[in-house]
Structures are given as C-alpha cells and as structure tokens.
Amino acid sequence: MKRIGLTGPIGGGKSTVAAILREAGVPVLDADRLAHEGLLARAAEVCRAFPEACPDGRPDRGRLAERVFRNPGARRRLEALIHPYVRERIAAELARLERAGAPLAVVEIPLLFETGWDRRLDGVLVVTAPAELRYRRLAGRGLAEDEVRRREAAQLPAAEKARRADWVIENDGDLEALRRRVRAWLREVDP
C-alpha cells in the first residue's frame, strides 16, 4: 500500500483536496480530527497543563489555540500531550487499511514535515495557493490576518513545504480546476 502525506499552508486547500480524494474512494486519515479526539482523550492532562484554557473542566479549543499560537513553549507542551495519541491512531488505521488490501492511503497532516511524518511515508503531496488568496479564504472563515500569521509561524513556510514535496498542486483557480489537478495527480500516483 502506498502511504502518501497531504499537507500545505493554512488556507491552501488541503482539506478540499482530501474531500476530493475521499469522493474518488481514496481513504484519507485526518490528523486534525484525530488531534481533536486526542484532546478529549487527554483532557485531564491538558487541563492540568493549561488550566486557563479549561474554564469548565474541559479543554476549550478557542482558548487553547489563543494560548499555544502565541507561545511556542505552550505549543510544544500541548503537542507532547496530543501527538503520541495521533501517531498511534494513524499507525493503527494505516495497518488496518493495509490488511484490508487498500492500494493507497492518504494522511492529511498540517504539521507533516514539522513532526517528521515525511520520513514514515512513501511520498508527500503539498497543496498550496498564493498568500493573498489564502488570507482571503481564511478571512471568509472568520480568521483575521494576524491570527493566520501566528498560525503560519508555527509551520514551515509554504515555499519550504513545496520544496520538500514529491508533488505540488497549486490551488489558485476554481473548484473544478482543483478537481482536474487532483484527478491528474491520482492517475500519476495510483495508475
């Protein structure tokens, strides 16, 4: 089974590409969803480490994000609590898919290079877009540019991600153009 990582800068379109791949029948594992599960599974530890982000005894994702994207040390503490859970779940799901005979699996991981997942996979697809387009998309989701820049600071620059990738899809057009690019990539990687 080919194991491909999917990443890119915030607002680049990786979640849209993941949805297109799922529509095509490709299993896609979502590290963000697993991190949310991990946050719930490790709630007690997270609340001990970040009591200000747990006003009612449970982690408040907004308060936690505000804290960790402003403080690299806090971000590393949170990652140390959550990332082992995510790694275990991804490994277990990839093993299950392989036993089931899946020819291809994609793992969507925003911090793919930063966490070393690129060394565990058969290739990396980066989805990117021009910064001004990404900022417009994210503003439409309610994120201010300064918040986007703080989140970007926690990641490798988009150009570095593209340089390290095996494949790059530029998401600078409409949805149908992106679909065509994803289908072409899929024919290349899984003929």
N, C-alpha and C. Protein backbone atom coordinates (compact mmCIF):
# COMPACT_ATOMS: atom_id res chain seq x y z
N MET A 1 0.84 -1.18 0.00
CA MET A 1 0.00 0.00 0.00
C MET A 1 0.89 1.24 0.00
N LYS A 2 0.57 2.17 -0.88
CA LYS A 2 1.26 3.46 -0.87
C LYS A 2 0.66 4.34 0.20
N ARG A 3 1.55 4.97 0.97
CA ARG A 3 1.14 5.87 2.04
C ARG A 3 1.62 7.26 1.69
N ILE A 4 0.69 8.15 1.41
CA ILE A 4 1.03 9.50 0.95
C ILE A 4 0.58 10.52 1.99
N GLY A 5 1.47 11.44 2.31
CA GLY A 5 1.13 12.54 3.19
C GLY A 5 0.56 13.69 2.39
N LEU A 6 -0.41 14.37 2.97
CA LEU A 6 -1.03 15.55 2.36
C LEU A 6 -0.88 16.70 3.33
N THR A 7 -0.26 17.77 2.87
CA THR A 7 -0.06 18.93 3.73
C THR A 7 -0.06 20.19 2.88
N GLY A 8 0.16 21.32 3.54
CA GLY A 8 0.22 22.60 2.86
C GLY A 8 -0.03 23.70 3.86
N PRO A 9 0.14 24.93 3.44
CA PRO A 9 -0.08 26.04 4.36
C PRO A 9 -1.56 26.20 4.69
N ILE A 10 -1.82 26.85 5.80
CA ILE A 10 -3.19 27.12 6.21
C ILE A 10 -3.89 27.90 5.09
N GLY A 11 -5.09 27.45 4.73
CA GLY A 11 -5.85 28.11 3.67
C GLY A 11 -5.44 27.70 2.27
N GLY A 12 -4.51 26.77 2.15
CA GLY A 12 -4.03 26.35 0.84
C GLY A 12 -4.99 25.44 0.10
N GLY A 13 -5.81 24.71 0.84
CA GLY A 13 -6.79 23.85 0.20
C GLY A 13 -6.61 22.37 0.47
N LYS A 14 -5.79 22.01 1.46
CA LYS A 14 -5.56 20.57 1.69
C LYS A 14 -6.83 19.84 2.10
N SER A 15 -7.70 20.46 2.87
CA SER A 15 -8.95 19.79 3.27
C SER A 15 -9.87 19.60 2.07
N THR A 16 -9.87 20.54 1.15
CA THR A 16 -10.67 20.39 -0.06
C THR A 16 -10.12 19.25 -0.91
N VAL A 17 -8.80 19.17 -1.02
CA VAL A 17 -8.18 18.06 -1.77
C VAL A 17 -8.50 16.74 -1.07
N ALA A 18 -8.46 16.71 0.25
CA ALA A 18 -8.81 15.49 0.97
C ALA A 18 -10.24 15.07 0.66
N ALA A 19 -11.15 16.01 0.60
CA ALA A 19 -12.55 15.70 0.27
C ALA A 19 -12.67 15.15 -1.15
N ILE A 20 -11.95 15.72 -2.08
CA ILE A 20 -11.97 15.24 -3.47
C ILE A 20 -11.43 13.81 -3.53
N LEU A 21 -10.37 13.54 -2.79
CA LEU A 21 -9.81 12.19 -2.76
C LEU A 21 -10.80 11.21 -2.15
N ARG A 22 -11.47 11.60 -1.08
CA ARG A 22 -12.48 10.71 -0.48
C ARG A 22 -13.59 10.41 -1.48
N GLU A 23 -14.03 11.44 -2.23
CA GLU A 23 -15.06 11.24 -3.25
C GLU A 23 -14.59 10.21 -4.29
N ALA A 24 -13.29 10.17 -4.55
CA ALA A 24 -12.72 9.22 -5.52
C ALA A 24 -12.50 7.84 -4.90
N GLY A 25 -12.84 7.68 -3.62
CA GLY A 25 -12.71 6.38 -2.97
C GLY A 25 -11.38 6.13 -2.28
N VAL A 26 -10.56 7.16 -2.17
CA VAL A 26 -9.27 7.02 -1.51
C VAL A 26 -9.47 7.22 0.00
N PRO A 27 -8.97 6.28 0.82
CA PRO A 27 -9.06 6.51 2.27
C PRO A 27 -8.14 7.66 2.67
N VAL A 28 -8.68 8.62 3.40
CA VAL A 28 -7.91 9.77 3.87
C VAL A 28 -8.05 9.85 5.39
N LEU A 29 -6.93 9.82 6.08
CA LEU A 29 -6.91 9.97 7.54
C LEU A 29 -6.67 11.44 7.84
N ASP A 30 -7.41 11.99 8.78
CA ASP A 30 -7.36 13.41 9.10
C ASP A 30 -6.70 13.59 10.47
N ALA A 31 -5.45 14.04 10.48
CA ALA A 31 -4.71 14.22 11.73
C ALA A 31 -5.37 15.28 12.62
N ASP A 32 -5.98 16.30 12.05
CA ASP A 32 -6.66 17.32 12.86
C ASP A 32 -7.83 16.70 13.62
N ARG A 33 -8.60 15.85 12.96
CA ARG A 33 -9.72 15.18 13.63
C ARG A 33 -9.20 14.28 14.74
N LEU A 34 -8.09 13.57 14.46
CA LEU A 34 -7.50 12.71 15.48
C LEU A 34 -6.93 13.53 16.63
N ALA A 35 -6.39 14.71 16.33
CA ALA A 35 -5.90 15.58 17.40
C ALA A 35 -7.06 16.05 18.28
N HIS A 36 -8.20 16.31 17.67
CA HIS A 36 -9.38 16.69 18.45
C HIS A 36 -9.80 15.52 19.35
N GLU A 37 -9.80 14.30 18.79
CA GLU A 37 -10.07 13.11 19.62
C GLU A 37 -9.06 13.02 20.76
N GLY A 38 -7.80 13.24 20.42
CA GLY A 38 -6.74 13.17 21.42
C GLY A 38 -6.91 14.21 22.51
N LEU A 39 -7.38 15.38 22.13
CA LEU A 39 -7.64 16.44 23.12
C LEU A 39 -8.70 15.98 24.12
N LEU A 40 -9.71 15.30 23.62
CA LEU A 40 -10.75 14.78 24.51
C LEU A 40 -10.22 13.61 25.34
N ALA A 41 -9.45 12.73 24.69
CA ALA A 41 -8.92 11.57 25.40
C ALA A 41 -7.91 11.97 26.47
N ARG A 42 -7.21 13.06 26.23
CA ARG A 42 -6.18 13.52 27.17
C ARG A 42 -6.62 14.79 27.91
N ALA A 43 -7.92 14.99 28.03
CA ALA A 43 -8.47 16.23 28.61
C ALA A 43 -7.92 16.52 29.99
N ALA A 44 -7.82 15.52 30.83
CA ALA A 44 -7.35 15.76 32.20
C ALA A 44 -5.92 16.30 32.19
N GLU A 45 -5.06 15.69 31.37
CA GLU A 45 -3.67 16.14 31.30
C GLU A 45 -3.57 17.55 30.70
N VAL A 46 -4.38 17.80 29.68
CA VAL A 46 -4.39 19.12 29.04
C VAL A 46 -4.84 20.18 30.03
N CYS A 47 -5.88 19.88 30.80
CA CYS A 47 -6.39 20.86 31.76
C CYS A 47 -5.40 21.10 32.91
N ARG A 48 -4.64 20.07 33.27
CA ARG A 48 -3.59 20.29 34.30
C ARG A 48 -2.50 21.21 33.74
N ALA A 49 -2.16 21.03 32.47
CA ALA A 49 -1.10 21.84 31.86
C ALA A 49 -1.57 23.24 31.50
N PHE A 50 -2.87 23.38 31.16
CA PHE A 50 -3.42 24.66 30.70
C PHE A 50 -4.73 24.96 31.41
N PRO A 51 -4.71 25.18 32.71
CA PRO A 51 -5.98 25.39 33.44
C PRO A 51 -6.76 26.60 32.92
N GLU A 52 -6.05 27.62 32.43
CA GLU A 52 -6.73 28.82 31.92
C GLU A 52 -7.54 28.52 30.65
N ALA A 53 -7.26 27.40 29.99
CA ALA A 53 -7.98 27.02 28.77
C ALA A 53 -9.09 26.01 29.06
N CYS A 54 -9.37 25.79 30.33
CA CYS A 54 -10.38 24.80 30.73
C CYS A 54 -11.34 25.41 31.75
N PRO A 55 -12.11 26.41 31.35
CA PRO A 55 -12.95 27.12 32.32
C PRO A 55 -14.00 26.24 33.00
N ASP A 56 -14.46 25.21 32.30
CA ASP A 56 -15.48 24.34 32.90
C ASP A 56 -14.96 22.92 33.12
N GLY A 57 -13.64 22.80 33.21
CA GLY A 57 -13.04 21.49 33.45
C GLY A 57 -12.77 20.68 32.20
N ARG A 58 -13.11 21.24 31.04
CA ARG A 58 -12.83 20.60 29.75
C ARG A 58 -12.08 21.59 28.88
N PRO A 59 -11.19 21.08 28.01
CA PRO A 59 -10.44 22.00 27.14
C PRO A 59 -11.37 22.80 26.23
N ASP A 60 -11.17 24.10 26.20
CA ASP A 60 -11.86 25.00 25.28
C ASP A 60 -10.90 25.23 24.13
N ARG A 61 -11.22 24.72 22.94
CA ARG A 61 -10.30 24.76 21.81
C ARG A 61 -9.90 26.19 21.44
N GLY A 62 -10.84 27.12 21.50
CA GLY A 62 -10.53 28.52 21.17
C GLY A 62 -9.52 29.11 22.13
N ARG A 63 -9.73 28.91 23.42
CA ARG A 63 -8.80 29.44 24.42
C ARG A 63 -7.44 28.75 24.31
N LEU A 64 -7.47 27.47 24.05
CA LEU A 64 -6.22 26.73 23.91
C LEU A 64 -5.43 27.23 22.69
N ALA A 65 -6.12 27.42 21.57
CA ALA A 65 -5.46 27.93 20.37
C ALA A 65 -4.86 29.31 20.61
N GLU A 66 -5.63 30.16 21.27
CA GLU A 66 -5.14 31.51 21.58
C GLU A 66 -3.83 31.42 22.36
N ARG A 67 -3.77 30.52 23.30
CA ARG A 67 -2.58 30.36 24.15
C ARG A 67 -1.40 29.78 23.37
N VAL A 68 -1.63 28.68 22.67
CA VAL A 68 -0.49 27.97 22.07
C VAL A 68 0.05 28.64 20.81
N PHE A 69 -0.79 29.37 20.09
CA PHE A 69 -0.27 30.03 18.89
C PHE A 69 0.44 31.34 19.22
N ARG A 70 0.38 31.76 20.46
CA ARG A 70 1.12 32.95 20.90
C ARG A 70 2.38 32.57 21.68
N ASN A 71 2.51 31.29 22.04
CA ASN A 71 3.59 30.87 22.92
C ASN A 71 4.16 29.54 22.44
N PRO A 72 5.32 29.56 21.78
CA PRO A 72 5.89 28.31 21.25
C PRO A 72 6.13 27.24 22.32
N GLY A 73 6.50 27.64 23.53
CA GLY A 73 6.69 26.66 24.60
C GLY A 73 5.39 25.97 24.97
N ALA A 74 4.31 26.74 25.02
CA ALA A 74 3.00 26.17 25.32
C ALA A 74 2.57 25.23 24.19
N ARG A 75 2.85 25.62 22.95
CA ARG A 75 2.50 24.77 21.81
C ARG A 75 3.25 23.45 21.91
N ARG A 76 4.53 23.47 22.24
CA ARG A 76 5.31 22.24 22.37
C ARG A 76 4.76 21.36 23.50
N ARG A 77 4.34 21.97 24.62
CA ARG A 77 3.75 21.19 25.72
C ARG A 77 2.47 20.49 25.27
N LEU A 78 1.62 21.23 24.55
CA LEU A 78 0.37 20.64 24.07
C LEU A 78 0.67 19.51 23.07
N GLU A 79 1.58 19.76 22.15
CA GLU A 79 1.94 18.74 21.16
C GLU A 79 2.47 17.48 21.84
N ALA A 80 3.25 17.64 22.91
CA ALA A 80 3.78 16.48 23.63
C ALA A 80 2.66 15.65 24.25
N LEU A 81 1.55 16.28 24.56
CA LEU A 81 0.40 15.56 25.12
C LEU A 81 -0.44 14.89 24.04
N ILE A 82 -0.60 15.56 22.91
CA ILE A 82 -1.55 15.11 21.89
C ILE A 82 -0.91 14.27 20.78
N HIS A 83 0.30 14.63 20.34
CA HIS A 83 0.88 13.96 19.19
C HIS A 83 1.09 12.45 19.36
N PRO A 84 1.47 11.95 20.54
CA PRO A 84 1.58 10.49 20.67
C PRO A 84 0.26 9.77 20.38
N TYR A 85 -0.83 10.34 20.84
CA TYR A 85 -2.15 9.77 20.56
C TYR A 85 -2.40 9.74 19.05
N VAL A 86 -2.12 10.85 18.37
CA VAL A 86 -2.36 10.95 16.93
C VAL A 86 -1.48 9.94 16.19
N ARG A 87 -0.21 9.83 16.56
CA ARG A 87 0.69 8.87 15.90
C ARG A 87 0.18 7.44 16.04
N GLU A 88 -0.25 7.07 17.24
CA GLU A 88 -0.77 5.72 17.48
C GLU A 88 -2.00 5.44 16.63
N ARG A 89 -2.92 6.40 16.58
CA ARG A 89 -4.16 6.20 15.82
C ARG A 89 -3.89 6.11 14.32
N ILE A 90 -2.98 6.96 13.81
CA ILE A 90 -2.66 6.90 12.38
C ILE A 90 -2.01 5.56 12.06
N ALA A 91 -1.05 5.13 12.87
CA ALA A 91 -0.37 3.86 12.62
C ALA A 91 -1.36 2.70 12.63
N ALA A 92 -2.27 2.70 13.59
CA ALA A 92 -3.25 1.62 13.67
C ALA A 92 -4.17 1.62 12.45
N GLU A 93 -4.61 2.79 12.03
CA GLU A 93 -5.51 2.87 10.88
C GLU A 93 -4.80 2.50 9.59
N LEU A 94 -3.55 2.91 9.42
CA LEU A 94 -2.79 2.52 8.22
C LEU A 94 -2.61 1.00 8.19
N ALA A 95 -2.32 0.40 9.32
CA ALA A 95 -2.16 -1.06 9.39
C ALA A 95 -3.48 -1.74 9.02
N ARG A 96 -4.59 -1.22 9.51
CA ARG A 96 -5.89 -1.80 9.18
C ARG A 96 -6.17 -1.71 7.68
N LEU A 97 -5.89 -0.55 7.09
CA LEU A 97 -6.12 -0.37 5.65
C LEU A 97 -5.23 -1.30 4.83
N GLU A 98 -4.01 -1.47 5.27
CA GLU A 98 -3.11 -2.37 4.55
C GLU A 98 -3.62 -3.81 4.62
N ARG A 99 -4.05 -4.24 5.80
CA ARG A 99 -4.60 -5.60 5.94
C ARG A 99 -5.83 -5.78 5.05
N ALA A 100 -6.59 -4.70 4.88
CA ALA A 100 -7.80 -4.76 4.06
C ALA A 100 -7.48 -4.71 2.57
N GLY A 101 -6.23 -4.50 2.21
CA GLY A 101 -5.83 -4.51 0.81
C GLY A 101 -5.96 -3.18 0.09
N ALA A 102 -6.07 -2.09 0.81
CA ALA A 102 -6.15 -0.78 0.16
C ALA A 102 -4.85 -0.52 -0.60
N PRO A 103 -4.93 -0.10 -1.86
CA PRO A 103 -3.71 0.16 -2.62
C PRO A 103 -3.05 1.50 -2.27
N LEU A 104 -3.84 2.42 -1.71
CA LEU A 104 -3.37 3.78 -1.45
C LEU A 104 -4.09 4.32 -0.23
N ALA A 105 -3.36 5.02 0.62
CA ALA A 105 -3.96 5.75 1.73
C ALA A 105 -3.27 7.09 1.84
N VAL A 106 -4.04 8.12 2.15
CA VAL A 106 -3.52 9.47 2.28
C VAL A 106 -3.72 9.91 3.73
N VAL A 107 -2.69 10.55 4.28
CA VAL A 107 -2.75 11.06 5.64
C VAL A 107 -2.62 12.57 5.57
N GLU A 108 -3.70 13.26 5.93
CA GLU A 108 -3.72 14.73 5.91
C GLU A 108 -3.17 15.23 7.25
N ILE A 109 -1.98 15.85 7.20
CA ILE A 109 -1.30 16.31 8.41
C ILE A 109 -0.78 17.73 8.20
N PRO A 110 -1.39 18.72 8.83
CA PRO A 110 -0.90 20.10 8.66
C PRO A 110 0.58 20.25 9.04
N LEU A 111 1.02 19.59 10.09
CA LEU A 111 2.41 19.71 10.55
C LEU A 111 3.23 18.48 10.13
N LEU A 112 3.03 18.02 8.92
CA LEU A 112 3.66 16.79 8.44
C LEU A 112 5.18 16.85 8.53
N PHE A 113 5.79 17.85 7.94
CA PHE A 113 7.25 17.95 7.96
C PHE A 113 7.75 18.26 9.37
N GLU A 114 7.02 19.12 10.06
CA GLU A 114 7.44 19.56 11.38
C GLU A 114 7.47 18.41 12.39
N THR A 115 6.63 17.40 12.17
CA THR A 115 6.56 16.26 13.10
C THR A 115 7.31 15.03 12.58
N GLY A 116 7.95 15.15 11.42
CA GLY A 116 8.75 14.04 10.90
C GLY A 116 7.97 12.96 10.17
N TRP A 117 6.69 13.20 9.91
CA TRP A 117 5.89 12.18 9.23
C TRP A 117 6.38 11.92 7.81
N ASP A 118 7.04 12.89 7.19
CA ASP A 118 7.51 12.69 5.82
C ASP A 118 8.45 11.48 5.73
N ARG A 119 9.16 11.17 6.81
CA ARG A 119 10.10 10.04 6.81
C ARG A 119 9.38 8.70 6.97
N ARG A 120 8.10 8.73 7.33
CA ARG A 120 7.34 7.49 7.54
C ARG A 120 6.43 7.15 6.36
N LEU A 121 6.43 7.97 5.34
CA LEU A 121 5.51 7.83 4.23
C LEU A 121 6.25 7.60 2.92
N ASP A 122 5.50 7.19 1.90
CA ASP A 122 6.09 6.92 0.59
C ASP A 122 6.20 8.16 -0.28
N GLY A 123 5.58 9.25 0.11
CA GLY A 123 5.63 10.48 -0.65
C GLY A 123 4.77 11.54 0.01
N VAL A 124 4.97 12.78 -0.42
CA VAL A 124 4.24 13.91 0.16
C VAL A 124 3.66 14.78 -0.96
N LEU A 125 2.38 15.06 -0.83
CA LEU A 125 1.67 15.98 -1.72
C LEU A 125 1.42 17.27 -0.95
N VAL A 126 1.88 18.37 -1.49
CA VAL A 126 1.64 19.68 -0.89
C VAL A 126 0.63 20.43 -1.75
N VAL A 127 -0.38 20.95 -1.10
CA VAL A 127 -1.38 21.80 -1.76
C VAL A 127 -1.12 23.22 -1.28
N THR A 128 -0.96 24.13 -2.21
CA THR A 128 -0.64 25.50 -1.82
C THR A 128 -1.44 26.48 -2.67
N ALA A 129 -1.36 27.73 -2.30
CA ALA A 129 -2.03 28.81 -3.01
C ALA A 129 -1.28 30.10 -2.68
N PRO A 130 -1.41 31.11 -3.53
CA PRO A 130 -0.78 32.40 -3.21
C PRO A 130 -1.27 32.94 -1.87
N ALA A 131 -0.37 33.60 -1.14
CA ALA A 131 -0.69 34.08 0.20
C ALA A 131 -1.93 34.96 0.22
N GLU A 132 -2.07 35.90 -0.71
CA GLU A 132 -3.23 36.80 -0.67
C GLU A 132 -4.54 36.03 -0.83
N LEU A 133 -4.54 34.98 -1.66
CA LEU A 133 -5.73 34.16 -1.84
C LEU A 133 -6.02 33.36 -0.57
N ARG A 134 -4.98 32.83 0.06
CA ARG A 134 -5.16 32.09 1.32
C ARG A 134 -5.74 33.01 2.40
N TYR A 135 -5.23 34.23 2.50
CA TYR A 135 -5.72 35.16 3.52
C TYR A 135 -7.19 35.52 3.28
N ARG A 136 -7.57 35.67 2.00
CA ARG A 136 -8.99 35.96 1.68
C ARG A 136 -9.88 34.79 2.08
N ARG A 137 -9.42 33.58 1.75
CA ARG A 137 -10.21 32.39 2.12
C ARG A 137 -10.39 32.32 3.64
N LEU A 138 -9.32 32.54 4.37
CA LEU A 138 -9.37 32.41 5.82
C LEU A 138 -10.16 33.54 6.46
N ALA A 139 -10.12 34.73 5.86
CA ALA A 139 -10.95 35.83 6.36
C ALA A 139 -12.43 35.46 6.23
N GLY A 140 -12.75 34.74 5.15
CA GLY A 140 -14.12 34.27 4.96
C GLY A 140 -14.54 33.27 6.02
N ARG A 141 -13.57 32.63 6.66
CA ARG A 141 -13.85 31.69 7.75
C ARG A 141 -13.76 32.36 9.11
N GLY A 142 -13.53 33.70 9.10
CA GLY A 142 -13.50 34.43 10.36
C GLY A 142 -12.14 34.57 11.01
N LEU A 143 -11.07 34.19 10.32
CA LEU A 143 -9.72 34.34 10.89
C LEU A 143 -9.10 35.65 10.40
N ALA A 144 -8.67 36.46 11.33
CA ALA A 144 -8.00 37.71 10.98
C ALA A 144 -6.59 37.41 10.49
N GLU A 145 -6.05 38.31 9.67
CA GLU A 145 -4.73 38.09 9.09
C GLU A 145 -3.66 37.91 10.16
N ASP A 146 -3.73 38.66 11.27
CA ASP A 146 -2.71 38.49 12.31
C ASP A 146 -2.79 37.10 12.95
N GLU A 147 -4.00 36.56 13.09
CA GLU A 147 -4.16 35.20 13.62
C GLU A 147 -3.59 34.18 12.63
N VAL A 148 -3.84 34.38 11.35
CA VAL A 148 -3.29 33.49 10.32
C VAL A 148 -1.77 33.53 10.37
N ARG A 149 -1.20 34.71 10.49
CA ARG A 149 0.26 34.83 10.54
C ARG A 149 0.84 34.12 11.77
N ARG A 150 0.15 34.18 12.91
CA ARG A 150 0.61 33.46 14.11
C ARG A 150 0.60 31.96 13.86
N ARG A 151 -0.45 31.49 13.22
CA ARG A 151 -0.54 30.05 12.93
C ARG A 151 0.51 29.65 11.90
N GLU A 152 0.73 30.49 10.93
CA GLU A 152 1.77 30.20 9.94
C GLU A 152 3.15 30.13 10.59
N ALA A 153 3.37 30.95 11.59
CA ALA A 153 4.67 30.97 12.26
C ALA A 153 4.97 29.65 12.95
N ALA A 154 3.94 28.86 13.24
CA ALA A 154 4.12 27.55 13.88
C ALA A 154 4.44 26.47 12.85
N GLN A 155 4.45 26.83 11.57
CA GLN A 155 4.67 25.87 10.49
C GLN A 155 5.85 26.29 9.63
N LEU A 156 6.35 25.32 8.87
CA LEU A 156 7.36 25.65 7.86
C LEU A 156 6.73 26.61 6.85
N PRO A 157 7.50 27.49 6.26
CA PRO A 157 6.95 28.36 5.21
C PRO A 157 6.43 27.54 4.03
N ALA A 158 5.42 28.06 3.36
CA ALA A 158 4.79 27.37 2.23
C ALA A 158 5.82 26.98 1.17
N ALA A 159 6.75 27.87 0.88
CA ALA A 159 7.76 27.58 -0.15
C ALA A 159 8.65 26.41 0.26
N GLU A 160 8.96 26.30 1.54
CA GLU A 160 9.79 25.19 2.01
C GLU A 160 9.01 23.88 1.94
N LYS A 161 7.74 23.91 2.26
CA LYS A 161 6.91 22.71 2.14
C LYS A 161 6.89 22.25 0.68
N ALA A 162 6.69 23.19 -0.23
CA ALA A 162 6.66 22.84 -1.65
C ALA A 162 8.01 22.29 -2.11
N ARG A 163 9.09 22.86 -1.61
CA ARG A 163 10.42 22.38 -1.99
C ARG A 163 10.65 20.94 -1.54
N ARG A 164 10.13 20.58 -0.39
CA ARG A 164 10.33 19.23 0.15
C ARG A 164 9.36 18.19 -0.41
N ALA A 165 8.33 18.64 -1.10
CA ALA A 165 7.27 17.75 -1.57
C ALA A 165 7.72 16.89 -2.74
N ASP A 166 7.05 15.76 -2.89
CA ASP A 166 7.21 14.94 -4.09
C ASP A 166 6.30 15.44 -5.20
N TRP A 167 5.14 16.00 -4.80
CA TRP A 167 4.18 16.56 -5.73
C TRP A 167 3.62 17.85 -5.14
N VAL A 168 3.32 18.81 -6.00
CA VAL A 168 2.71 20.06 -5.55
C VAL A 168 1.50 20.33 -6.43
N ILE A 169 0.39 20.64 -5.80
CA ILE A 169 -0.80 21.10 -6.51
C ILE A 169 -1.02 22.55 -6.13
N GLU A 170 -1.03 23.41 -7.14
CA GLU A 170 -1.28 24.83 -6.92
C GLU A 170 -2.78 25.06 -6.99
N ASN A 171 -3.36 25.49 -5.89
CA ASN A 171 -4.80 25.70 -5.78
C ASN A 171 -5.11 27.18 -5.97
N ASP A 172 -4.95 27.65 -7.20
CA ASP A 172 -5.13 29.07 -7.48
C ASP A 172 -6.29 29.35 -8.43
N GLY A 173 -7.13 28.33 -8.65
CA GLY A 173 -8.26 28.51 -9.55
C GLY A 173 -9.55 28.17 -8.84
N ASP A 174 -10.54 27.76 -9.64
CA ASP A 174 -11.82 27.39 -9.05
C ASP A 174 -11.81 25.92 -8.65
N LEU A 175 -12.92 25.47 -8.09
CA LEU A 175 -13.01 24.10 -7.58
C LEU A 175 -12.84 23.08 -8.69
N GLU A 176 -13.41 23.34 -9.86
CA GLU A 176 -13.30 22.38 -10.96
C GLU A 176 -11.84 22.26 -11.43
N ALA A 177 -11.12 23.35 -11.45
CA ALA A 177 -9.70 23.29 -11.81
C ALA A 177 -8.93 22.45 -10.78
N LEU A 178 -9.26 22.62 -9.50
CA LEU A 178 -8.61 21.83 -8.46
C LEU A 178 -8.95 20.36 -8.63
N ARG A 179 -10.21 20.04 -8.92
CA ARG A 179 -10.60 18.65 -9.15
C ARG A 179 -9.79 18.03 -10.29
N ARG A 180 -9.61 18.76 -11.38
CA ARG A 180 -8.83 18.24 -12.51
C ARG A 180 -7.39 17.96 -12.08
N ARG A 181 -6.82 18.87 -11.31
CA ARG A 181 -5.43 18.68 -10.87
C ARG A 181 -5.31 17.48 -9.93
N VAL A 182 -6.28 17.31 -9.06
CA VAL A 182 -6.25 16.17 -8.13
C VAL A 182 -6.42 14.86 -8.91
N ARG A 183 -7.34 14.83 -9.86
CA ARG A 183 -7.53 13.61 -10.67
C ARG A 183 -6.26 13.27 -11.45
N ALA A 184 -5.59 14.29 -11.99
CA ALA A 184 -4.34 14.04 -12.72
C ALA A 184 -3.27 13.49 -11.78
N TRP A 185 -3.18 14.06 -10.58
CA TRP A 185 -2.22 13.55 -9.59
C TRP A 185 -2.55 12.11 -9.23
N LEU A 186 -3.81 11.83 -9.04
CA LEU A 186 -4.22 10.48 -8.65
C LEU A 186 -3.88 9.47 -9.75
N ARG A 187 -4.04 9.83 -11.01
CA ARG A 187 -3.64 8.94 -12.10
C ARG A 187 -2.15 8.68 -12.09
N GLU A 188 -1.39 9.69 -11.70
CA GLU A 188 0.08 9.54 -11.65
C GLU A 188 0.51 8.64 -10.49
N VAL A 189 -0.08 8.83 -9.34
CA VAL A 189 0.38 8.13 -8.13
C VAL A 189 -0.24 6.74 -7.99
N ASP A 190 -1.44 6.55 -8.54
CA ASP A 190 -2.15 5.28 -8.39
C ASP A 190 -2.76 4.90 -9.74
N PRO A 191 -1.89 4.56 -10.71
CA PRO A 191 -2.39 4.31 -12.08
C PRO A 191 -3.32 3.09 -12.18
